[in-house]
Every structure is written in C-alpha cells, then in structure tokens.
Amino acid sequence: MVDKKSGVVQGSCGYHNVKAEHRRAEIGYELGRQYWGQGAIQEVMKAVINHCFEERGFNRIEAFVTVGNYRSLNTLKRLGFRPEGLLREYEFTQGSFHDQVVCALLRRDWKYFSE
C-alpha cells in the first residue's frame, strides 16, 4: 500500500492460503501505526475483496484477528465480515500462543453489503 500523494509505503494487503477447489482464500493486511484511522485499509480491502469475488471467483474470504485487536475486528465488521468463532492458541508470535477470532465474508453477503 503506497500513499498516492507522497509515494510512501504505508503497509500491505493481499490474499493467500487459496483453496481453489473450495473457492476460498484468506485475506490479511498490515498498516503502519502512524496511518491508522485514515481509511486506507477500507479503501484497499474493498478493491482486494472485489478482485477475490469478481476476478478469482471465490465464494468465501476468511480473516483471522488476534483476540483483543478490536480496531482490526471493527474494520472487518465494517466491510461485512462476520465473526464465526474462536481458535484457541492458534498462532505463536512474540514467544507465546495467541487466540484468534476467525471471520468470514461470503460472496452473497458482499453483494448485499456493497450495494
């Protein structure tokens, strides 16, 4: 993600863990703290989500959020993602295990939500 005016890299966004046979993928993003709250993730995520559904033909996009990361969870909810459950000690980072909330957005919900 690059700022249109300054050309400064602010973060990244994309999809991975594609399961083509199931028409699903995982989406993720990182953003420098100084750029939080400026709407950059919303703008980029909408483009990536559209690409996943319209160009790649996915039916489901998943996202995983560390428990306690309310800003990220709220960002996903604003985009139409729904929390589906808790994955206990799913990720090991910074020397310890962390629970993750699994969220998902279905094609049919995106169509409804993005109108």
PDB file of N, CA and C in Angstrom:
ATOM      1  N   MET A   1       0.839  -1.166   0.000  1.00  0.00           N
ATOM      2  CA  MET A   1       0.000   0.000   0.000  1.00  0.00           C
ATOM      3  C   MET A   1       0.885   1.230   0.000  1.00  0.00           C
ATOM      4  N   VAL A   2       0.691   2.068  -1.001  1.00  0.00           N
ATOM      5  CA  VAL A   2       1.515   3.266  -1.170  1.00  0.00           C
ATOM      6  C   VAL A   2       0.603   4.489  -1.194  1.00  0.00           C
ATOM      7  N   ASP A   3       0.978   5.516  -0.432  1.00  0.00           N
ATOM      8  CA  ASP A   3       0.229   6.762  -0.432  1.00  0.00           C
ATOM      9  C   ASP A   3       0.266   7.378  -1.828  1.00  0.00           C
ATOM     10  N   LYS A   4      -0.904   7.750  -2.339  1.00  0.00           N
ATOM     11  CA  LYS A   4      -0.996   8.271  -3.709  1.00  0.00           C
ATOM     12  C   LYS A   4      -0.228   9.569  -3.891  1.00  0.00           C
ATOM     13  N   LYS A   5      -0.201  10.408  -2.879  1.00  0.00           N
ATOM     14  CA  LYS A   5       0.444  11.720  -2.998  1.00  0.00           C
ATOM     15  C   LYS A   5       1.951  11.663  -2.762  1.00  0.00           C
ATOM     16  N   SER A   6       2.349  11.011  -1.663  1.00  0.00           N
ATOM     17  CA  SER A   6       3.760  11.034  -1.271  1.00  0.00           C
ATOM     18  C   SER A   6       4.582   9.872  -1.820  1.00  0.00           C
ATOM     19  N   GLY A   7       3.919   8.776  -2.183  1.00  0.00           N
ATOM     20  CA  GLY A   7       4.642   7.592  -2.635  1.00  0.00           C
ATOM     21  C   GLY A   7       5.221   6.770  -1.491  1.00  0.00           C
ATOM     22  N   VAL A   8       4.873   7.093  -0.254  1.00  0.00           N
ATOM     23  CA  VAL A   8       5.392   6.392   0.922  1.00  0.00           C
ATOM     24  C   VAL A   8       4.623   5.083   1.131  1.00  0.00           C
ATOM     25  N   VAL A   9       5.358   4.015   1.387  1.00  0.00           N
ATOM     26  CA  VAL A   9       4.740   2.729   1.681  1.00  0.00           C
ATOM     27  C   VAL A   9       4.126   2.795   3.074  1.00  0.00           C
ATOM     28  N   GLN A  10       2.821   2.495   3.156  1.00  0.00           N
ATOM     29  CA  GLN A  10       2.109   2.543   4.428  1.00  0.00           C
ATOM     30  C   GLN A  10       1.878   1.156   5.021  1.00  0.00           C
ATOM     31  N   GLY A  11       1.792   0.151   4.172  1.00  0.00           N
ATOM     32  CA  GLY A  11       1.518  -1.200   4.651  1.00  0.00           C
ATOM     33  C   GLY A  11       1.317  -2.146   3.497  1.00  0.00           C
ATOM     34  N   SER A  12       0.642  -3.252   3.772  1.00  0.00           N
ATOM     35  CA  SER A  12       0.387  -4.242   2.720  1.00  0.00           C
ATOM     36  C   SER A  12      -0.985  -4.875   2.932  1.00  0.00           C
ATOM     37  N   CYS A  13      -1.512  -5.426   1.866  1.00  0.00           N
ATOM     38  CA  CYS A  13      -2.804  -6.105   1.908  1.00  0.00           C
ATOM     39  C   CYS A  13      -2.832  -7.106   0.764  1.00  0.00           C
ATOM     40  N   GLY A  14      -3.387  -8.266   1.034  1.00  0.00           N
ATOM     41  CA  GLY A  14      -3.477  -9.255  -0.023  1.00  0.00           C
ATOM     42  C   GLY A  14      -4.166 -10.512   0.461  1.00  0.00           C
ATOM     43  N   TYR A  15      -4.188 -11.519  -0.396  1.00  0.00           N
ATOM     44  CA  TYR A  15      -4.810 -12.786  -0.033  1.00  0.00           C
ATOM     45  C   TYR A  15      -3.816 -13.914  -0.244  1.00  0.00           C
ATOM     46  N   HIS A  16      -4.010 -14.988   0.498  1.00  0.00           N
ATOM     47  CA  HIS A  16      -3.135 -16.158   0.435  1.00  0.00           C
ATOM     48  C   HIS A  16      -3.932 -17.372   0.931  1.00  0.00           C
ATOM     49  N   ASN A  17      -3.259 -18.474   1.134  1.00  0.00           N
ATOM     50  CA  ASN A  17      -3.916 -19.714   1.561  1.00  0.00           C
ATOM     51  C   ASN A  17      -5.145 -20.018   0.699  1.00  0.00           C
ATOM     52  N   VAL A  18      -4.956 -19.870  -0.587  1.00  0.00           N
ATOM     53  CA  VAL A  18      -6.045 -20.111  -1.543  1.00  0.00           C
ATOM     54  C   VAL A  18      -6.356 -21.603  -1.590  1.00  0.00           C
ATOM     55  N   LYS A  19      -7.621 -21.920  -1.474  1.00  0.00           N
ATOM     56  CA  LYS A  19      -8.124 -23.282  -1.649  1.00  0.00           C
ATOM     57  C   LYS A  19      -9.057 -23.238  -2.854  1.00  0.00           C
ATOM     58  N   ALA A  20      -8.464 -23.351  -4.038  1.00  0.00           N
ATOM     59  CA  ALA A  20      -9.214 -23.178  -5.285  1.00  0.00           C
ATOM     60  C   ALA A  20     -10.382 -24.146  -5.396  1.00  0.00           C
ATOM     61  N   GLU A  21     -10.173 -25.392  -4.954  1.00  0.00           N
ATOM     62  CA  GLU A  21     -11.236 -26.378  -5.074  1.00  0.00           C
ATOM     63  C   GLU A  21     -12.454 -26.034  -4.207  1.00  0.00           C
ATOM     64  N   HIS A  22     -12.227 -25.218  -3.175  1.00  0.00           N
ATOM     65  CA  HIS A  22     -13.318 -24.801  -2.284  1.00  0.00           C
ATOM     66  C   HIS A  22     -13.726 -23.343  -2.517  1.00  0.00           C
ATOM     67  N   ARG A  23     -13.051 -22.718  -3.477  1.00  0.00           N
ATOM     68  CA  ARG A  23     -13.323 -21.315  -3.848  1.00  0.00           C
ATOM     69  C   ARG A  23     -13.248 -20.382  -2.635  1.00  0.00           C
ATOM     70  N   ARG A  24     -12.142 -20.504  -1.897  1.00  0.00           N
ATOM     71  CA  ARG A  24     -11.941 -19.632  -0.750  1.00  0.00           C
ATOM     72  C   ARG A  24     -10.478 -19.248  -0.598  1.00  0.00           C
ATOM     73  N   ALA A  25     -10.264 -18.168   0.154  1.00  0.00           N
ATOM     74  CA  ALA A  25      -8.912 -17.697   0.437  1.00  0.00           C
ATOM     75  C   ALA A  25      -8.926 -16.947   1.758  1.00  0.00           C
ATOM     76  N   GLU A  26      -7.744 -16.687   2.262  1.00  0.00           N
ATOM     77  CA  GLU A  26      -7.574 -15.885   3.479  1.00  0.00           C
ATOM     78  C   GLU A  26      -7.040 -14.520   3.069  1.00  0.00           C
ATOM     79  N   ILE A  27      -7.543 -13.485   3.714  1.00  0.00           N
ATOM     80  CA  ILE A  27      -7.110 -12.130   3.427  1.00  0.00           C
ATOM     81  C   ILE A  27      -6.373 -11.584   4.652  1.00  0.00           C
ATOM     82  N   GLY A  28      -5.398 -10.734   4.412  1.00  0.00           N
ATOM     83  CA  GLY A  28      -4.662 -10.150   5.525  1.00  0.00           C
ATOM     84  C   GLY A  28      -4.129  -8.782   5.167  1.00  0.00           C
ATOM     85  N   TYR A  29      -3.775  -8.035   6.191  1.00  0.00           N
ATOM     86  CA  TYR A  29      -3.250  -6.688   5.986  1.00  0.00           C
ATOM     87  C   TYR A  29      -2.399  -6.269   7.169  1.00  0.00           C
ATOM     88  N   GLU A  30      -1.489  -5.354   6.891  1.00  0.00           N
ATOM     89  CA  GLU A  30      -0.650  -4.704   7.900  1.00  0.00           C
ATOM     90  C   GLU A  30      -0.596  -3.233   7.536  1.00  0.00           C
ATOM     91  N   LEU A  31      -0.601  -2.395   8.554  1.00  0.00           N
ATOM     92  CA  LEU A  31      -0.563  -0.955   8.320  1.00  0.00           C
ATOM     93  C   LEU A  31       0.268  -0.300   9.404  1.00  0.00           C
ATOM     94  N   GLY A  32       1.185   0.588   8.996  1.00  0.00           N
ATOM     95  CA  GLY A  32       1.992   1.324   9.959  1.00  0.00           C
ATOM     96  C   GLY A  32       1.104   2.107  10.920  1.00  0.00           C
ATOM     97  N   ARG A  33       1.456   2.091  12.193  1.00  0.00           N
ATOM     98  CA  ARG A  33       0.635   2.724  13.230  1.00  0.00           C
ATOM     99  C   ARG A  33       0.319   4.184  12.916  1.00  0.00           C
ATOM    100  N   GLN A  34       1.261   4.893  12.311  1.00  0.00           N
ATOM    101  CA  GLN A  34       1.037   6.311  12.015  1.00  0.00           C
ATOM    102  C   GLN A  34      -0.049   6.539  10.971  1.00  0.00           C
ATOM    103  N   TYR A  35      -0.489   5.464  10.287  1.00  0.00           N
ATOM    104  CA  TYR A  35      -1.516   5.584   9.251  1.00  0.00           C
ATOM    105  C   TYR A  35      -2.880   5.060   9.700  1.00  0.00           C
ATOM    106  N   TRP A  36      -2.968   4.592  10.942  1.00  0.00           N
ATOM    107  CA  TRP A  36      -4.231   4.073  11.452  1.00  0.00           C
ATOM    108  C   TRP A  36      -5.290   5.172  11.444  1.00  0.00           C
ATOM    109  N   GLY A  37      -6.534   4.773  11.222  1.00  0.00           N
ATOM    110  CA  GLY A  37      -7.669   5.679  11.328  1.00  0.00           C
ATOM    111  C   GLY A  37      -7.856   6.629  10.161  1.00  0.00           C
ATOM    112  N   GLN A  38      -7.146   6.407   9.053  1.00  0.00           N
ATOM    113  CA  GLN A  38      -7.236   7.310   7.902  1.00  0.00           C
ATOM    114  C   GLN A  38      -8.037   6.708   6.743  1.00  0.00           C
ATOM    115  N   GLY A  39      -8.567   5.517   6.919  1.00  0.00           N
ATOM    116  CA  GLY A  39      -9.397   4.899   5.891  1.00  0.00           C
ATOM    117  C   GLY A  39      -8.647   4.139   4.810  1.00  0.00           C
ATOM    118  N   ALA A  40      -7.333   4.029   4.935  1.00  0.00           N
ATOM    119  CA  ALA A  40      -6.547   3.365   3.896  1.00  0.00           C
ATOM    120  C   ALA A  40      -6.897   1.880   3.777  1.00  0.00           C
ATOM    121  N   ILE A  41      -7.037   1.201   4.905  1.00  0.00           N
ATOM    122  CA  ILE A  41      -7.341  -0.234   4.869  1.00  0.00           C
ATOM    123  C   ILE A  41      -8.702  -0.475   4.227  1.00  0.00           C
ATOM    124  N   GLN A  42      -9.684   0.342   4.587  1.00  0.00           N
ATOM    125  CA  GLN A  42     -11.018   0.188   3.997  1.00  0.00           C
ATOM    126  C   GLN A  42     -10.958   0.281   2.469  1.00  0.00           C
ATOM    127  N   GLU A  43     -10.256   1.285   1.982  1.00  0.00           N
ATOM    128  CA  GLU A  43     -10.161   1.502   0.535  1.00  0.00           C
ATOM    129  C   GLU A  43      -9.486   0.332  -0.170  1.00  0.00           C
ATOM    130  N   VAL A  44      -8.367  -0.102   0.365  1.00  0.00           N
ATOM    131  CA  VAL A  44      -7.613  -1.183  -0.266  1.00  0.00           C
ATOM    132  C   VAL A  44      -8.339  -2.516  -0.127  1.00  0.00           C
ATOM    133  N   MET A  45      -8.906  -2.764   1.043  1.00  0.00           N
ATOM    134  CA  MET A  45      -9.620  -4.023   1.257  1.00  0.00           C
ATOM    135  C   MET A  45     -10.803  -4.165   0.300  1.00  0.00           C
ATOM    136  N   LYS A  46     -11.526  -3.085   0.056  1.00  0.00           N
ATOM    137  CA  LYS A  46     -12.653  -3.157  -0.882  1.00  0.00           C
ATOM    138  C   LYS A  46     -12.178  -3.600  -2.258  1.00  0.00           C
ATOM    139  N   ALA A  47     -11.046  -3.062  -2.703  1.00  0.00           N
ATOM    140  CA  ALA A  47     -10.509  -3.447  -4.016  1.00  0.00           C
ATOM    141  C   ALA A  47     -10.071  -4.910  -4.025  1.00  0.00           C
ATOM    142  N   VAL A  48      -9.413  -5.359  -2.962  1.00  0.00           N
ATOM    143  CA  VAL A  48      -8.954  -6.747  -2.900  1.00  0.00           C
ATOM    144  C   VAL A  48     -10.150  -7.701  -2.818  1.00  0.00           C
ATOM    145  N   ILE A  49     -11.150  -7.343  -2.019  1.00  0.00           N
ATOM    146  CA  ILE A  49     -12.350  -8.182  -1.900  1.00  0.00           C
ATOM    147  C   ILE A  49     -13.048  -8.291  -3.255  1.00  0.00           C
ATOM    148  N   ASN A  50     -13.219  -7.169  -3.929  1.00  0.00           N
ATOM    149  CA  ASN A  50     -13.833  -7.207  -5.268  1.00  0.00           C
ATOM    150  C   ASN A  50     -13.049  -8.113  -6.203  1.00  0.00           C
ATOM    151  N   HIS A  51     -11.732  -7.999  -6.180  1.00  0.00           N
ATOM    152  CA  HIS A  51     -10.885  -8.851  -7.022  1.00  0.00           C
ATOM    153  C   HIS A  51     -11.115 -10.329  -6.689  1.00  0.00           C
ATOM    154  N   CYS A  52     -11.147 -10.649  -5.398  1.00  0.00           N
ATOM    155  CA  CYS A  52     -11.333 -12.046  -4.984  1.00  0.00           C
ATOM    156  C   CYS A  52     -12.661 -12.611  -5.471  1.00  0.00           C
ATOM    157  N   PHE A  53     -13.715 -11.826  -5.342  1.00  0.00           N
ATOM    158  CA  PHE A  53     -15.035 -12.324  -5.732  1.00  0.00           C
ATOM    159  C   PHE A  53     -15.265 -12.244  -7.244  1.00  0.00           C
ATOM    160  N   GLU A  54     -14.904 -11.137  -7.848  1.00  0.00           N
ATOM    161  CA  GLU A  54     -15.227 -10.914  -9.257  1.00  0.00           C
ATOM    162  C   GLU A  54     -14.216 -11.531 -10.221  1.00  0.00           C
ATOM    163  N   GLU A  55     -12.932 -11.409  -9.922  1.00  0.00           N
ATOM    164  CA  GLU A  55     -11.896 -11.908 -10.843  1.00  0.00           C
ATOM    165  C   GLU A  55     -11.493 -13.352 -10.551  1.00  0.00           C
ATOM    166  N   ARG A  56     -11.396 -13.688  -9.284  1.00  0.00           N
ATOM    167  CA  ARG A  56     -10.947 -15.033  -8.910  1.00  0.00           C
ATOM    168  C   ARG A  56     -12.094 -16.015  -8.710  1.00  0.00           C
ATOM    169  N   GLY A  57     -13.301 -15.512  -8.543  1.00  0.00           N
ATOM    170  CA  GLY A  57     -14.457 -16.389  -8.401  1.00  0.00           C
ATOM    171  C   GLY A  57     -14.592 -17.050  -7.047  1.00  0.00           C
ATOM    172  N   PHE A  58     -13.956 -16.491  -6.022  1.00  0.00           N
ATOM    173  CA  PHE A  58     -14.088 -17.067  -4.680  1.00  0.00           C
ATOM    174  C   PHE A  58     -15.505 -16.880  -4.174  1.00  0.00           C
ATOM    175  N   ASN A  59     -15.909 -17.771  -3.297  1.00  0.00           N
ATOM    176  CA  ASN A  59     -17.207 -17.670  -2.634  1.00  0.00           C
ATOM    177  C   ASN A  59     -17.053 -17.226  -1.180  1.00  0.00           C
ATOM    178  N   ARG A  60     -15.864 -17.433  -0.616  1.00  0.00           N
ATOM    179  CA  ARG A  60     -15.636 -17.153   0.802  1.00  0.00           C
ATOM    180  C   ARG A  60     -14.244 -16.565   0.986  1.00  0.00           C
ATOM    181  N   ILE A  61     -14.170 -15.526   1.816  1.00  0.00           N
ATOM    182  CA  ILE A  61     -12.888 -14.937   2.201  1.00  0.00           C
ATOM    183  C   ILE A  61     -12.826 -14.970   3.722  1.00  0.00           C
ATOM    184  N   GLU A  62     -11.729 -15.501   4.237  1.00  0.00           N
ATOM    185  CA  GLU A  62     -11.547 -15.607   5.685  1.00  0.00           C
ATOM    186  C   GLU A  62     -10.487 -14.620   6.156  1.00  0.00           C
ATOM    187  N   ALA A  63     -10.624 -14.201   7.412  1.00  0.00           N
ATOM    188  CA  ALA A  63      -9.623 -13.344   8.053  1.00  0.00           C
ATOM    189  C   ALA A  63      -9.489 -13.790   9.504  1.00  0.00           C
ATOM    190  N   PHE A  64      -8.286 -13.707  10.033  1.00  0.00           N
ATOM    191  CA  PHE A  64      -8.011 -14.103  11.409  1.00  0.00           C
ATOM    192  C   PHE A  64      -7.489 -12.889  12.166  1.00  0.00           C
ATOM    193  N   VAL A  65      -8.062 -12.645  13.345  1.00  0.00           N
ATOM    194  CA  VAL A  65      -7.710 -11.470  14.136  1.00  0.00           C
ATOM    195  C   VAL A  65      -7.321 -11.926  15.541  1.00  0.00           C
ATOM    196  N   THR A  66      -6.197 -11.445  16.024  1.00  0.00           N
ATOM    197  CA  THR A  66      -5.779 -11.762  17.382  1.00  0.00           C
ATOM    198  C   THR A  66      -6.782 -11.189  18.379  1.00  0.00           C
ATOM    199  N   VAL A  67      -7.177 -12.007  19.343  1.00  0.00           N
ATOM    200  CA  VAL A  67      -8.122 -11.560  20.369  1.00  0.00           C
ATOM    201  C   VAL A  67      -7.571 -10.296  21.027  1.00  0.00           C
ATOM    202  N   GLY A  68      -8.415  -9.303  21.137  1.00  0.00           N
ATOM    203  CA  GLY A  68      -8.021  -8.025  21.725  1.00  0.00           C
ATOM    204  C   GLY A  68      -7.707  -6.950  20.703  1.00  0.00           C
ATOM    205  N   ASN A  69      -7.558  -7.337  19.439  1.00  0.00           N
ATOM    206  CA  ASN A  69      -7.289  -6.348  18.385  1.00  0.00           C
ATOM    207  C   ASN A  69      -8.638  -5.830  17.867  1.00  0.00           C
ATOM    208  N   TYR A  70      -9.251  -4.985  18.673  1.00  0.00           N
ATOM    209  CA  TYR A  70     -10.600  -4.501  18.374  1.00  0.00           C
ATOM    210  C   TYR A  70     -10.650  -3.614  17.132  1.00  0.00           C
ATOM    211  N   ARG A  71      -9.595  -2.858  16.883  1.00  0.00           N
ATOM    212  CA  ARG A  71      -9.584  -1.993  15.697  1.00  0.00           C
ATOM    213  C   ARG A  71      -9.696  -2.828  14.426  1.00  0.00           C
ATOM    214  N   SER A  72      -8.911  -3.893  14.364  1.00  0.00           N
ATOM    215  CA  SER A  72      -8.935  -4.748  13.177  1.00  0.00           C
ATOM    216  C   SER A  72     -10.273  -5.474  13.062  1.00  0.00           C
ATOM    217  N   LEU A  73     -10.783  -5.971  14.169  1.00  0.00           N
ATOM    218  CA  LEU A  73     -12.071  -6.657  14.149  1.00  0.00           C
ATOM    219  C   LEU A  73     -13.176  -5.709  13.684  1.00  0.00           C
ATOM    220  N   ASN A  74     -13.155  -4.480  14.157  1.00  0.00           N
ATOM    221  CA  ASN A  74     -14.160  -3.497  13.732  1.00  0.00           C
ATOM    222  C   ASN A  74     -14.017  -3.139  12.263  1.00  0.00           C
ATOM    223  N   THR A  75     -12.791  -3.076  11.771  1.00  0.00           N
ATOM    224  CA  THR A  75     -12.565  -2.819  10.341  1.00  0.00           C
ATOM    225  C   THR A  75     -13.216  -3.916   9.511  1.00  0.00           C
ATOM    226  N   LEU A  76     -12.992  -5.152   9.899  1.00  0.00           N
ATOM    227  CA  LEU A  76     -13.582  -6.270   9.161  1.00  0.00           C
ATOM    228  C   LEU A  76     -15.104  -6.243   9.227  1.00  0.00           C
ATOM    229  N   LYS A  77     -15.644  -5.943  10.392  1.00  0.00           N
ATOM    230  CA  LYS A  77     -17.109  -5.881  10.524  1.00  0.00           C
ATOM    231  C   LYS A  77     -17.693  -4.793   9.621  1.00  0.00           C
ATOM    232  N   ARG A  78     -17.018  -3.642   9.532  1.00  0.00           N
ATOM    233  CA  ARG A  78     -17.495  -2.568   8.655  1.00  0.00           C
ATOM    234  C   ARG A  78     -17.491  -3.003   7.194  1.00  0.00           C
ATOM    235  N   LEU A  79     -16.644  -3.944   6.845  1.00  0.00           N
ATOM    236  CA  LEU A  79     -16.574  -4.461   5.481  1.00  0.00           C
ATOM    237  C   LEU A  79     -17.562  -5.610   5.252  1.00  0.00           C
ATOM    238  N   GLY A  80     -18.280  -6.008   6.287  1.00  0.00           N
ATOM    239  CA  GLY A  80     -19.280  -7.059   6.144  1.00  0.00           C
ATOM    240  C   GLY A  80     -18.853  -8.426   6.646  1.00  0.00           C
ATOM    241  N   PHE A  81     -17.612  -8.559   7.146  1.00  0.00           N
ATOM    242  CA  PHE A  81     -17.165  -9.840   7.696  1.00  0.00           C
ATOM    243  C   PHE A  81     -17.943 -10.138   8.971  1.00  0.00           C
ATOM    244  N   ARG A  82     -18.176 -11.419   9.198  1.00  0.00           N
ATOM    245  CA  ARG A  82     -18.860 -11.848  10.409  1.00  0.00           C
ATOM    246  C   ARG A  82     -17.934 -12.746  11.226  1.00  0.00           C
ATOM    247  N   PRO A  83     -17.806 -12.467  12.524  1.00  0.00           N
ATOM    248  CA  PRO A  83     -17.043 -13.382  13.388  1.00  0.00           C
ATOM    249  C   PRO A  83     -17.747 -14.730  13.442  1.00  0.00           C
ATOM    250  N   GLU A  84     -16.970 -15.804  13.312  1.00  0.00           N
ATOM    251  CA  GLU A  84     -17.571 -17.145  13.295  1.00  0.00           C
ATOM    252  C   GLU A  84     -17.124 -18.020  14.459  1.00  0.00           C
ATOM    253  N   GLY A  85     -16.051 -17.637  15.110  1.00  0.00           N
ATOM    254  CA  GLY A  85     -15.616 -18.472  16.223  1.00  0.00           C
ATOM    255  C   GLY A  85     -14.230 -18.113  16.708  1.00  0.00           C
ATOM    256  N   LEU A  86     -13.834 -18.801  17.752  1.00  0.00           N
ATOM    257  CA  LEU A  86     -12.546 -18.583  18.394  1.00  0.00           C
ATOM    258  C   LEU A  86     -11.650 -19.791  18.168  1.00  0.00           C
ATOM    259  N   LEU A  87     -10.448 -19.533  17.716  1.00  0.00           N
ATOM    260  CA  LEU A  87      -9.439 -20.586  17.559  1.00  0.00           C
ATOM    261  C   LEU A  87      -8.432 -20.401  18.696  1.00  0.00           C
ATOM    262  N   ARG A  88      -8.484 -21.303  19.653  1.00  0.00           N
ATOM    263  CA  ARG A  88      -7.660 -21.173  20.846  1.00  0.00           C
ATOM    264  C   ARG A  88      -6.197 -21.468  20.550  1.00  0.00           C
ATOM    265  N   GLU A  89      -5.320 -20.563  21.023  1.00  0.00           N
ATOM    266  CA  GLU A  89      -3.861 -20.702  20.871  1.00  0.00           C
ATOM    267  C   GLU A  89      -3.486 -21.093  19.443  1.00  0.00           C
ATOM    268  N   TYR A  90      -4.071 -20.420  18.489  1.00  0.00           N
ATOM    269  CA  TYR A  90      -3.928 -20.744  17.067  1.00  0.00           C
ATOM    270  C   TYR A  90      -2.628 -20.237  16.475  1.00  0.00           C
ATOM    271  N   GLU A  91      -2.102 -19.150  17.025  1.00  0.00           N
ATOM    272  CA  GLU A  91      -0.905 -18.527  16.457  1.00  0.00           C
ATOM    273  C   GLU A  91       0.163 -18.345  17.525  1.00  0.00           C
ATOM    274  N   PHE A  92       1.410 -18.604  17.159  1.00  0.00           N
ATOM    275  CA  PHE A  92       2.540 -18.427  18.074  1.00  0.00           C
ATOM    276  C   PHE A  92       3.360 -17.245  17.589  1.00  0.00           C
ATOM    277  N   THR A  93       3.310 -16.135  18.310  1.00  0.00           N
ATOM    278  CA  THR A  93       4.088 -14.944  17.972  1.00  0.00           C
ATOM    279  C   THR A  93       4.645 -14.319  19.237  1.00  0.00           C
ATOM    280  N   GLN A  94       5.767 -13.675  19.079  1.00  0.00           N
ATOM    281  CA  GLN A  94       6.424 -12.966  20.183  1.00  0.00           C
ATOM    282  C   GLN A  94       6.576 -13.845  21.423  1.00  0.00           C
ATOM    283  N   GLY A  95       6.874 -15.115  21.198  1.00  0.00           N
ATOM    284  CA  GLY A  95       7.181 -16.032  22.287  1.00  0.00           C
ATOM    285  C   GLY A  95       6.011 -16.658  23.015  1.00  0.00           C
ATOM    286  N   SER A  96       4.791 -16.442  22.529  1.00  0.00           N
ATOM    287  CA  SER A  96       3.649 -17.068  23.193  1.00  0.00           C
ATOM    288  C   SER A  96       2.520 -17.349  22.197  1.00  0.00           C
ATOM    289  N   PHE A  97       1.584 -18.182  22.641  1.00  0.00           N
ATOM    290  CA  PHE A  97       0.429 -18.535  21.830  1.00  0.00           C
ATOM    291  C   PHE A  97      -0.658 -17.482  21.992  1.00  0.00           C
ATOM    292  N   HIS A  98      -1.397 -17.237  20.897  1.00  0.00           N
ATOM    293  CA  HIS A  98      -2.466 -16.241  20.909  1.00  0.00           C
ATOM    294  C   HIS A  98      -3.717 -16.829  20.277  1.00  0.00           C
ATOM    295  N   ASP A  99      -4.853 -16.542  20.913  1.00  0.00           N
ATOM    296  CA  ASP A  99      -6.145 -16.934  20.356  1.00  0.00           C
ATOM    297  C   ASP A  99      -6.469 -16.049  19.164  1.00  0.00           C
ATOM    298  N   GLN A 100      -7.186 -16.612  18.196  1.00  0.00           N
ATOM    299  CA  GLN A 100      -7.581 -15.873  17.005  1.00  0.00           C
ATOM    300  C   GLN A 100      -9.092 -15.973  16.812  1.00  0.00           C
ATOM    301  N   VAL A 101      -9.701 -14.864  16.415  1.00  0.00           N
ATOM    302  CA  VAL A 101     -11.101 -14.861  16.010  1.00  0.00           C
ATOM    303  C   VAL A 101     -11.121 -15.082  14.509  1.00  0.00           C
ATOM    304  N   VAL A 102     -11.864 -16.099  14.058  1.00  0.00           N
ATOM    305  CA  VAL A 102     -11.993 -16.333  12.621  1.00  0.00           C
ATOM    306  C   VAL A 102     -13.241 -15.592  12.146  1.00  0.00           C
ATOM    307  N   CYS A 103     -13.047 -14.800  11.097  1.00  0.00           N
ATOM    308  CA  CYS A 103     -14.138 -14.035  10.486  1.00  0.00           C
ATOM    309  C   CYS A 103     -14.238 -14.442   9.026  1.00  0.00           C
ATOM    310  N   ALA A 104     -15.433 -14.295   8.452  1.00  0.00           N
ATOM    311  CA  ALA A 104     -15.594 -14.649   7.046  1.00  0.00           C
ATOM    312  C   ALA A 104     -16.589 -13.715   6.372  1.00  0.00           C
ATOM    313  N   LEU A 105     -16.370 -13.564   5.079  1.00  0.00           N
ATOM    314  CA  LEU A 105     -17.266 -12.800   4.219  1.00  0.00           C
ATOM    315  C   LEU A 105     -17.623 -13.697   3.042  1.00  0.00           C
ATOM    316  N   LEU A 106     -18.912 -13.893   2.822  1.00  0.00           N
ATOM    317  CA  LEU A 106     -19.378 -14.692   1.688  1.00  0.00           C
ATOM    318  C   LEU A 106     -19.732 -13.772   0.526  1.00  0.00           C
ATOM    319  N   ARG A 107     -19.577 -14.308  -0.668  1.00  0.00           N
ATOM    320  CA  ARG A 107     -19.906 -13.544  -1.875  1.00  0.00           C
ATOM    321  C   ARG A 107     -21.311 -12.953  -1.784  1.00  0.00           C
ATOM    322  N   ARG A 108     -22.282 -13.757  -1.381  1.00  0.00           N
ATOM    323  CA  ARG A 108     -23.668 -13.269  -1.344  1.00  0.00           C
ATOM    324  C   ARG A 108     -23.839 -12.133  -0.348  1.00  0.00           C
ATOM    325  N   ASP A 109     -23.098 -12.153   0.758  1.00  0.00           N
ATOM    326  CA  ASP A 109     -23.175 -11.075   1.737  1.00  0.00           C
ATOM    327  C   ASP A 109     -22.490  -9.815   1.220  1.00  0.00           C
ATOM    328  N   TRP A 110     -21.398  -9.973   0.476  1.00  0.00           N
ATOM    329  CA  TRP A 110     -20.692  -8.821  -0.086  1.00  0.00           C
ATOM    330  C   TRP A 110     -21.568  -8.112  -1.104  1.00  0.00           C
ATOM    331  N   LYS A 111     -22.239  -8.885  -1.950  1.00  0.00           N
ATOM    332  CA  LYS A 111     -23.140  -8.300  -2.939  1.00  0.00           C
ATOM    333  C   LYS A 111     -24.194  -7.439  -2.236  1.00  0.00           C
ATOM    334  N   TYR A 112     -24.761  -7.980  -1.176  1.00  0.00           N
ATOM    335  CA  TYR A 112     -25.794  -7.254  -0.435  1.00  0.00           C
ATOM    336  C   TYR A 112     -25.199  -6.044   0.281  1.00  0.00           C
ATOM    337  N   PHE A 113     -24.061  -6.260   0.937  1.00  0.00           N
ATOM    338  CA  PHE A 113     -23.437  -5.226   1.760  1.00  0.00           C
ATOM    339  C   PHE A 113     -22.878  -4.079   0.925  1.00  0.00           C
ATOM    340  N   SER A 114     -22.355  -4.380  -0.261  1.00  0.00           N
ATOM    341  CA  SER A 114     -21.655  -3.359  -1.058  1.00  0.00           C
ATOM    342  C   SER A 114     -22.598  -2.557  -1.965  1.00  0.00           C
ATOM    343  N   GLU A 115     -23.887  -2.862  -1.978  1.00  0.00           N
ATOM    344  CA  GLU A 115     -24.820  -2.131  -2.852  1.00  0.00           C
ATOM    345  C   GLU A 115     -25.110  -0.752  -2.314  1.00  0.00           C
TER     346      GLU A 115
END
